[in-house]
Amino acid sequence: MTLTITYAILRQVKNKPFHEAITLAGIVLNFALLMNTNDISWLIMGTLFFAVPMIVLAPPVLISGRLKAIPSFSRILMCYTIIVVLDIVLPFILIITEISMTPFIYWNTPLSNGLVYICLIMGYFGIATVIYQLIGKYFSV
């Protein structure tokens, strides 16, 4: 739902700085809601509500070149689906590999949650950029 609403808003806004402000506001709002979570897995799963839709919409807005225009909703939905599956699987990977038990991540302070959140945002942004490039190259959706 967040993805659909934000996509509709971005299609109506013609000013690029407003596009950037809208996506950045969604990402910051999501962290403000999740910075005091008790478990890193909840932080990762919580990114699905605001951050992942904003991140999926960020590469077309922020990266110049081939991703200059906002892609069709079907391309955005394909990218979103792939990232959501990765976001659902990531907590299980962290638990199985026991990375989530390292003291820095386990402390669950706003600072440690913030650093984990920034890493998630950067990783998902990179993945979304690669997915858009692959979709544009191999699919004509």
C-alpha atoms as a PDB file:
ATOM      1  CA  MET A   1       0.000   0.000   0.000  1.00  0.00           C
ATOM      2  CA  THR A   2       2.846   2.383   0.839  1.00  0.00           C
ATOM      3  CA  LEU A   3       4.445   1.575  -2.502  1.00  0.00           C
ATOM      4  CA  THR A   4       1.267   2.317  -4.436  1.00  0.00           C
ATOM      5  CA  ILE A   5       0.552   5.592  -2.654  1.00  0.00           C
ATOM      6  CA  THR A   6       4.123   6.834  -2.951  1.00  0.00           C
ATOM      7  CA  TYR A   7       4.300   5.833  -6.627  1.00  0.00           C
ATOM      8  CA  ALA A   8       1.090   7.762  -7.333  1.00  0.00           C
ATOM      9  CA  ILE A   9       2.451  10.832  -5.526  1.00  0.00           C
ATOM     10  CA  LEU A  10       5.798  10.692  -7.330  1.00  0.00           C
ATOM     11  CA  ARG A  11       4.067  10.442 -10.718  1.00  0.00           C
ATOM     12  CA  GLN A  12       2.195  13.685  -9.972  1.00  0.00           C
ATOM     13  CA  VAL A  13       5.188  15.643  -8.631  1.00  0.00           C
ATOM     14  CA  LYS A  14       7.254  17.136 -11.442  1.00  0.00           C
ATOM     15  CA  ASN A  15      10.070  18.613  -9.353  1.00  0.00           C
ATOM     16  CA  LYS A  16      13.049  16.280  -8.821  1.00  0.00           C
ATOM     17  CA  PRO A  17      14.081  17.714  -5.402  1.00  0.00           C
ATOM     18  CA  PHE A  18      10.580  16.935  -4.113  1.00  0.00           C
ATOM     19  CA  HIS A  19      10.980  13.343  -5.334  1.00  0.00           C
ATOM     20  CA  GLU A  20      14.196  13.072  -3.347  1.00  0.00           C
ATOM     21  CA  ALA A  21      12.610  14.688  -0.284  1.00  0.00           C
ATOM     22  CA  ILE A  22       9.628  12.320  -0.346  1.00  0.00           C
ATOM     23  CA  THR A  23      11.780   9.182  -0.555  1.00  0.00           C
ATOM     24  CA  LEU A  24      14.200  10.423   2.092  1.00  0.00           C
ATOM     25  CA  ALA A  25      11.331  11.396   4.421  1.00  0.00           C
ATOM     26  CA  GLY A  26       9.878   7.887   4.186  1.00  0.00           C
ATOM     27  CA  ILE A  27      13.213   6.290   5.021  1.00  0.00           C
ATOM     28  CA  VAL A  28      13.855   8.617   7.973  1.00  0.00           C
ATOM     29  CA  LEU A  29      10.293   8.180   9.291  1.00  0.00           C
ATOM     30  CA  ASN A  30      10.695   4.418   9.215  1.00  0.00           C
ATOM     31  CA  PHE A  31      13.882   4.589  11.273  1.00  0.00           C
ATOM     32  CA  ALA A  32      12.284   6.976  13.756  1.00  0.00           C
ATOM     33  CA  LEU A  33       9.562   4.400  14.324  1.00  0.00           C
ATOM     34  CA  LEU A  34      11.965   1.461  14.632  1.00  0.00           C
ATOM     35  CA  MET A  35      15.072   2.799  16.381  1.00  0.00           C
ATOM     36  CA  ASN A  36      14.118   1.418  19.802  1.00  0.00           C
ATOM     37  CA  THR A  37      13.099  -2.087  18.752  1.00  0.00           C
ATOM     38  CA  ASN A  38      14.052  -4.938  21.048  1.00  0.00           C
ATOM     39  CA  ASP A  39      15.254  -7.343  18.388  1.00  0.00           C
ATOM     40  CA  ILE A  40      17.270  -6.838  15.222  1.00  0.00           C
ATOM     41  CA  SER A  41      14.960  -9.225  13.370  1.00  0.00           C
ATOM     42  CA  TRP A  42      12.029  -6.894  14.088  1.00  0.00           C
ATOM     43  CA  LEU A  43      14.062  -3.994  12.749  1.00  0.00           C
ATOM     44  CA  ILE A  44      14.714  -5.887   9.533  1.00  0.00           C
ATOM     45  CA  MET A  45      11.089  -6.946   9.175  1.00  0.00           C
ATOM     46  CA  GLY A  46       9.919  -3.427  10.022  1.00  0.00           C
ATOM     47  CA  THR A  47      11.753  -2.028   7.027  1.00  0.00           C
ATOM     48  CA  LEU A  48       9.135  -3.702   4.840  1.00  0.00           C
ATOM     49  CA  PHE A  49       6.494  -1.112   5.708  1.00  0.00           C
ATOM     50  CA  PHE A  50       8.103   2.212   4.799  1.00  0.00           C
ATOM     51  CA  ALA A  51      11.760   1.828   3.930  1.00  0.00           C
ATOM     52  CA  VAL A  52      11.653  -0.854   1.237  1.00  0.00           C
ATOM     53  CA  PRO A  53       8.946   0.927  -0.821  1.00  0.00           C
ATOM     54  CA  MET A  54      10.952   4.139  -0.612  1.00  0.00           C
ATOM     55  CA  ILE A  55      14.178   2.371  -1.498  1.00  0.00           C
ATOM     56  CA  VAL A  56      12.572   0.703  -4.501  1.00  0.00           C
ATOM     57  CA  LEU A  57      11.478   4.136  -5.712  1.00  0.00           C
ATOM     58  CA  ALA A  58      14.812   5.832  -4.889  1.00  0.00           C
ATOM     59  CA  PRO A  59      17.138   4.600  -7.693  1.00  0.00           C
ATOM     60  CA  PRO A  60      15.026   6.034 -10.537  1.00  0.00           C
ATOM     61  CA  VAL A  61      14.895   9.357  -8.677  1.00  0.00           C
ATOM     62  CA  LEU A  62      18.497   9.610  -7.464  1.00  0.00           C
ATOM     63  CA  ILE A  63      20.570   7.989 -10.210  1.00  0.00           C
ATOM     64  CA  SER A  64      20.969   9.818 -13.471  1.00  0.00           C
ATOM     65  CA  GLY A  65      21.419   8.034 -16.773  1.00  0.00           C
ATOM     66  CA  ARG A  66      19.295   5.079 -17.789  1.00  0.00           C
ATOM     67  CA  LEU A  67      17.135   5.267 -14.652  1.00  0.00           C
ATOM     68  CA  LYS A  68      16.244   8.947 -15.148  1.00  0.00           C
ATOM     69  CA  ALA A  69      12.479   8.478 -15.517  1.00  0.00           C
ATOM     70  CA  ILE A  70      10.263   6.675 -13.046  1.00  0.00           C
ATOM     71  CA  PRO A  71       9.748   3.158 -14.460  1.00  0.00           C
ATOM     72  CA  SER A  72       6.368   1.561 -14.977  1.00  0.00           C
ATOM     73  CA  PHE A  73       4.585   0.204 -11.925  1.00  0.00           C
ATOM     74  CA  SER A  74       5.103  -3.388 -13.107  1.00  0.00           C
ATOM     75  CA  ARG A  75       8.902  -2.922 -13.050  1.00  0.00           C
ATOM     76  CA  ILE A  76       8.734  -1.321  -9.623  1.00  0.00           C
ATOM     77  CA  LEU A  77       6.553  -4.167  -8.375  1.00  0.00           C
ATOM     78  CA  MET A  78       9.012  -6.763  -9.709  1.00  0.00           C
ATOM     79  CA  CYS A  79      11.893  -5.037  -7.922  1.00  0.00           C
ATOM     80  CA  TYR A  80       9.853  -4.665  -4.736  1.00  0.00           C
ATOM     81  CA  THR A  81       8.905  -8.354  -4.731  1.00  0.00           C
ATOM     82  CA  ILE A  82      12.516  -9.478  -5.062  1.00  0.00           C
ATOM     83  CA  ILE A  83      13.688  -7.182  -2.257  1.00  0.00           C
ATOM     84  CA  VAL A  84      10.793  -8.201   0.018  1.00  0.00           C
ATOM     85  CA  VAL A  85      11.729 -11.863  -0.382  1.00  0.00           C
ATOM     86  CA  LEU A  86      15.329 -10.991   0.530  1.00  0.00           C
ATOM     87  CA  ASP A  87      14.104  -8.948   3.502  1.00  0.00           C
ATOM     88  CA  ILE A  88      12.003 -11.855   4.763  1.00  0.00           C
ATOM     89  CA  VAL A  89      14.884 -14.331   4.457  1.00  0.00           C
ATOM     90  CA  LEU A  90      17.574 -12.076   5.987  1.00  0.00           C
ATOM     91  CA  PRO A  91      16.586 -12.471   9.693  1.00  0.00           C
ATOM     92  CA  PHE A  92      16.742 -16.251   9.365  1.00  0.00           C
ATOM     93  CA  ILE A  93      20.199 -16.011   7.812  1.00  0.00           C
ATOM     94  CA  LEU A  94      21.368 -13.761  10.663  1.00  0.00           C
ATOM     95  CA  ILE A  95      20.025 -16.194  13.258  1.00  0.00           C
ATOM     96  CA  ILE A  96      21.416 -19.334  11.593  1.00  0.00           C
ATOM     97  CA  THR A  97      24.884 -17.805  11.128  1.00  0.00           C
ATOM     98  CA  GLU A  98      24.712 -16.310  14.653  1.00  0.00           C
ATOM     99  CA  ILE A  99      25.699 -12.871  13.348  1.00  0.00           C
ATOM    100  CA  SER A 100      22.735 -11.447  15.256  1.00  0.00           C
ATOM    101  CA  MET A 101      24.376 -12.591  18.500  1.00  0.00           C
ATOM    102  CA  THR A 102      27.417 -10.331  18.159  1.00  0.00           C
ATOM    103  CA  PRO A 103      27.402  -7.879  21.066  1.00  0.00           C
ATOM    104  CA  PHE A 104      27.203  -4.759  18.918  1.00  0.00           C
ATOM    105  CA  ILE A 105      24.043  -5.934  17.161  1.00  0.00           C
ATOM    106  CA  TYR A 106      22.605  -7.637  20.236  1.00  0.00           C
ATOM    107  CA  TRP A 107      22.747  -4.483  22.423  1.00  0.00           C
ATOM    108  CA  ASN A 108      19.735  -2.988  20.584  1.00  0.00           C
ATOM    109  CA  THR A 109      20.628   0.616  21.261  1.00  0.00           C
ATOM    110  CA  PRO A 110      19.516   3.380  18.887  1.00  0.00           C
ATOM    111  CA  LEU A 111      23.123   3.670  17.668  1.00  0.00           C
ATOM    112  CA  SER A 112      23.550  -0.019  16.881  1.00  0.00           C
ATOM    113  CA  ASN A 113      20.064  -0.190  15.353  1.00  0.00           C
ATOM    114  CA  GLY A 114      20.905   2.915  13.314  1.00  0.00           C
ATOM    115  CA  LEU A 115      24.068   1.396  11.908  1.00  0.00           C
ATOM    116  CA  VAL A 116      22.265  -1.829  11.029  1.00  0.00           C
ATOM    117  CA  TYR A 117      19.479   0.214   9.431  1.00  0.00           C
ATOM    118  CA  ILE A 118      21.940   2.263   7.369  1.00  0.00           C
ATOM    119  CA  CYS A 119      23.598  -0.945   6.160  1.00  0.00           C
ATOM    120  CA  LEU A 120      20.182  -2.344   5.198  1.00  0.00           C
ATOM    121  CA  ILE A 121      19.266   0.841   3.327  1.00  0.00           C
ATOM    122  CA  MET A 122      22.549   0.924   1.408  1.00  0.00           C
ATOM    123  CA  GLY A 123      22.338  -2.780   0.596  1.00  0.00           C
ATOM    124  CA  TYR A 124      18.735  -2.612  -0.590  1.00  0.00           C
ATOM    125  CA  PHE A 125      19.485   0.514  -2.635  1.00  0.00           C
ATOM    126  CA  GLY A 126      22.332  -1.286  -4.387  1.00  0.00           C
ATOM    127  CA  ILE A 127      20.210  -4.371  -4.982  1.00  0.00           C
ATOM    128  CA  ALA A 128      17.340  -2.246  -6.332  1.00  0.00           C
ATOM    129  CA  THR A 129      19.703  -0.475  -8.724  1.00  0.00           C
ATOM    130  CA  VAL A 130      21.052  -3.781 -10.025  1.00  0.00           C
ATOM    131  CA  ILE A 131      17.535  -5.206 -10.361  1.00  0.00           C
ATOM    132  CA  TYR A 132      16.384  -2.181 -12.374  1.00  0.00           C
ATOM    133  CA  GLN A 133      19.371  -2.546 -14.672  1.00  0.00           C
ATOM    134  CA  LEU A 134      18.652  -6.258 -15.167  1.00  0.00           C
ATOM    135  CA  ILE A 135      14.935  -5.706 -15.701  1.00  0.00           C
ATOM    136  CA  GLY A 136      15.654  -2.985 -18.255  1.00  0.00           C
ATOM    137  CA  LYS A 137      18.142  -5.219 -20.048  1.00  0.00           C
ATOM    138  CA  TYR A 138      16.286  -8.562 -20.097  1.00  0.00           C
ATOM    139  CA  PHE A 139      12.585  -7.779 -19.786  1.00  0.00           C
ATOM    140  CA  SER A 140      10.333  -5.548 -21.821  1.00  0.00           C
ATOM    141  CA  VAL A 141       7.680  -4.998 -19.147  1.00  0.00           C
END
